[in-house]
């Protein structure tokens, strides 16, 4: 039973890390594309106006597509690591 719990936990941790890596990669990709677009706009528009508009649009976009933030991913990683530690402790009993 202990081995099954350990295997399950290892699988959950591995899957969580893979998901986090994929999300981070996608966020970086979107971020780079956004930076390119922003730089084109900045060449033509007053900075403060653009900055405020971009911040509003990026916040709306991340909420709309339910994209986790870096802080969300860090919290998930810490929770998974904590769970792993607890399962390891239980499996040694």
C-alpha atoms as a PDB file:
ATOM      1  CA  UNK A   1       0.000   0.000   0.000  1.00  0.00           C
ATOM      2  CA  UNK A   2       2.845   2.377   0.882  1.00  0.00           C
ATOM      3  CA  UNK A   3       4.451   1.745  -2.488  1.00  0.00           C
ATOM      4  CA  UNK A   4       1.170   2.484  -4.280  1.00  0.00           C
ATOM      5  CA  UNK A   5       0.812   5.784  -2.416  1.00  0.00           C
ATOM      6  CA  UNK A   6       4.420   6.677  -3.229  1.00  0.00           C
ATOM      7  CA  UNK A   7       3.946   5.790  -6.909  1.00  0.00           C
ATOM      8  CA  UNK A   8       0.729   7.783  -7.072  1.00  0.00           C
ATOM      9  CA  UNK A   9       2.362  10.785  -5.414  1.00  0.00           C
ATOM     10  CA  UNK A  10       5.367  10.593  -7.714  1.00  0.00           C
ATOM     11  CA  UNK A  11       3.040  10.490 -10.703  1.00  0.00           C
ATOM     12  CA  UNK A  12       1.054  13.500  -9.430  1.00  0.00           C
ATOM     13  CA  UNK A  13       4.255  15.462  -8.831  1.00  0.00           C
ATOM     14  CA  UNK A  14       5.640  14.579 -12.255  1.00  0.00           C
ATOM     15  CA  UNK A  15       2.383  15.529 -13.974  1.00  0.00           C
ATOM     16  CA  UNK A  16       2.130  18.773 -11.988  1.00  0.00           C
ATOM     17  CA  UNK A  17       5.666  19.735 -12.920  1.00  0.00           C
ATOM     18  CA  UNK A  18       5.019  18.932 -16.592  1.00  0.00           C
ATOM     19  CA  UNK A  19       1.865  21.046 -16.556  1.00  0.00           C
ATOM     20  CA  UNK A  20       3.679  23.903 -14.834  1.00  0.00           C
ATOM     21  CA  UNK A  21       6.476  23.742 -17.428  1.00  0.00           C
ATOM     22  CA  UNK A  22       3.979  23.775 -20.299  1.00  0.00           C
ATOM     23  CA  UNK A  23       2.094  26.711 -18.782  1.00  0.00           C
ATOM     24  CA  UNK A  24       5.317  28.610 -18.201  1.00  0.00           C
ATOM     25  CA  UNK A  25       6.409  27.957 -21.777  1.00  0.00           C
ATOM     26  CA  UNK A  26       3.070  29.151 -23.133  1.00  0.00           C
ATOM     27  CA  UNK A  27       3.163  32.252 -20.936  1.00  0.00           C
ATOM     28  CA  UNK A  28       6.659  33.067 -22.213  1.00  0.00           C
ATOM     29  CA  UNK A  29       5.502  32.589 -25.798  1.00  0.00           C
ATOM     30  CA  UNK A  30       2.493  34.866 -25.332  1.00  0.00           C
ATOM     31  CA  UNK A  31       4.641  37.365 -23.486  1.00  0.00           C
ATOM     32  CA  UNK A  32       7.198  37.543 -26.294  1.00  0.00           C
ATOM     33  CA  UNK A  33       4.501  38.038 -28.916  1.00  0.00           C
ATOM     34  CA  UNK A  34       2.925  40.717 -26.759  1.00  0.00           C
ATOM     35  CA  UNK A  35       6.257  42.499 -26.320  1.00  0.00           C
ATOM     36  CA  UNK A  36       6.749  42.586 -30.073  1.00  0.00           C
ATOM     37  CA  UNK A  37       3.298  44.055 -30.593  1.00  0.00           C
ATOM     38  CA  UNK A  38       3.785  46.549 -27.803  1.00  0.00           C
ATOM     39  CA  UNK A  39       7.088  47.757 -29.211  1.00  0.00           C
ATOM     40  CA  UNK A  40       5.438  48.433 -32.552  1.00  0.00           C
ATOM     41  CA  UNK A  41       2.673  50.398 -30.843  1.00  0.00           C
ATOM     42  CA  UNK A  42       5.082  52.323 -28.621  1.00  0.00           C
ATOM     43  CA  UNK A  43       6.845  53.679 -31.667  1.00  0.00           C
ATOM     44  CA  UNK A  44       3.601  55.398 -32.668  1.00  0.00           C
ATOM     45  CA  UNK A  45       1.787  56.313 -29.432  1.00  0.00           C
ATOM     46  CA  UNK A  46       2.462  58.246 -26.202  1.00  0.00           C
ATOM     47  CA  UNK A  47       3.935  55.870 -23.635  1.00  0.00           C
ATOM     48  CA  UNK A  48       1.641  56.331 -20.603  1.00  0.00           C
ATOM     49  CA  UNK A  49      -1.526  55.935 -22.616  1.00  0.00           C
ATOM     50  CA  UNK A  50      -0.215  52.742 -24.187  1.00  0.00           C
ATOM     51  CA  UNK A  51       1.089  51.376 -20.891  1.00  0.00           C
ATOM     52  CA  UNK A  52      -2.282  51.798 -19.183  1.00  0.00           C
ATOM     53  CA  UNK A  53      -4.168  50.285 -22.104  1.00  0.00           C
ATOM     54  CA  UNK A  54      -1.824  47.305 -22.328  1.00  0.00           C
ATOM     55  CA  UNK A  55      -2.043  46.632 -18.595  1.00  0.00           C
ATOM     56  CA  UNK A  56      -5.827  46.698 -18.774  1.00  0.00           C
ATOM     57  CA  UNK A  57      -5.918  44.399 -21.797  1.00  0.00           C
ATOM     58  CA  UNK A  58      -3.374  41.923 -20.405  1.00  0.00           C
ATOM     59  CA  UNK A  59      -5.265  41.673 -17.113  1.00  0.00           C
ATOM     60  CA  UNK A  60      -8.523  41.112 -18.941  1.00  0.00           C
ATOM     61  CA  UNK A  61      -6.939  38.496 -21.213  1.00  0.00           C
ATOM     62  CA  UNK A  62      -5.360  36.474 -18.412  1.00  0.00           C
ATOM     63  CA  UNK A  63      -8.635  36.479 -16.486  1.00  0.00           C
ATOM     64  CA  UNK A  64     -10.644  35.553 -19.564  1.00  0.00           C
ATOM     65  CA  UNK A  65      -8.515  32.538 -20.496  1.00  0.00           C
ATOM     66  CA  UNK A  66      -7.983  31.592 -16.846  1.00  0.00           C
ATOM     67  CA  UNK A  67      -4.208  31.647 -17.261  1.00  0.00           C
ATOM     68  CA  UNK A  68      -2.357  31.110 -13.996  1.00  0.00           C
ATOM     69  CA  UNK A  69       0.159  33.692 -12.949  1.00  0.00           C
ATOM     70  CA  UNK A  70       3.753  32.970 -12.003  1.00  0.00           C
ATOM     71  CA  UNK A  71       2.690  33.350  -8.374  1.00  0.00           C
ATOM     72  CA  UNK A  72      -0.086  30.759  -8.895  1.00  0.00           C
ATOM     73  CA  UNK A  73       2.406  28.288 -10.374  1.00  0.00           C
ATOM     74  CA  UNK A  74       4.859  28.885  -7.527  1.00  0.00           C
ATOM     75  CA  UNK A  75       2.082  28.257  -4.967  1.00  0.00           C
ATOM     76  CA  UNK A  76       1.078  25.035  -6.754  1.00  0.00           C
ATOM     77  CA  UNK A  77       4.677  23.851  -6.829  1.00  0.00           C
ATOM     78  CA  UNK A  78       5.097  24.526  -3.102  1.00  0.00           C
ATOM     79  CA  UNK A  79       1.844  22.698  -2.335  1.00  0.00           C
ATOM     80  CA  UNK A  80       2.901  19.674  -4.379  1.00  0.00           C
ATOM     81  CA  UNK A  81       6.316  19.602  -2.721  1.00  0.00           C
ATOM     82  CA  UNK A  82       4.680  19.842   0.710  1.00  0.00           C
ATOM     83  CA  UNK A  83       2.310  17.014  -0.177  1.00  0.00           C
ATOM     84  CA  UNK A  84       5.223  14.927  -1.393  1.00  0.00           C
ATOM     85  CA  UNK A  85       7.084  15.459   1.874  1.00  0.00           C
ATOM     86  CA  UNK A  86       4.033  14.425   3.885  1.00  0.00           C
ATOM     87  CA  UNK A  87       3.466  11.304   1.761  1.00  0.00           C
ATOM     88  CA  UNK A  88       7.136  10.358   2.102  1.00  0.00           C
ATOM     89  CA  UNK A  89       6.839  10.734   5.865  1.00  0.00           C
ATOM     90  CA  UNK A  90       3.725   8.552   5.905  1.00  0.00           C
ATOM     91  CA  UNK A  91       5.283   5.898   3.706  1.00  0.00           C
ATOM     92  CA  UNK A  92       8.266   5.522   6.064  1.00  0.00           C
ATOM     93  CA  UNK A  93       6.004   4.726   9.024  1.00  0.00           C
END
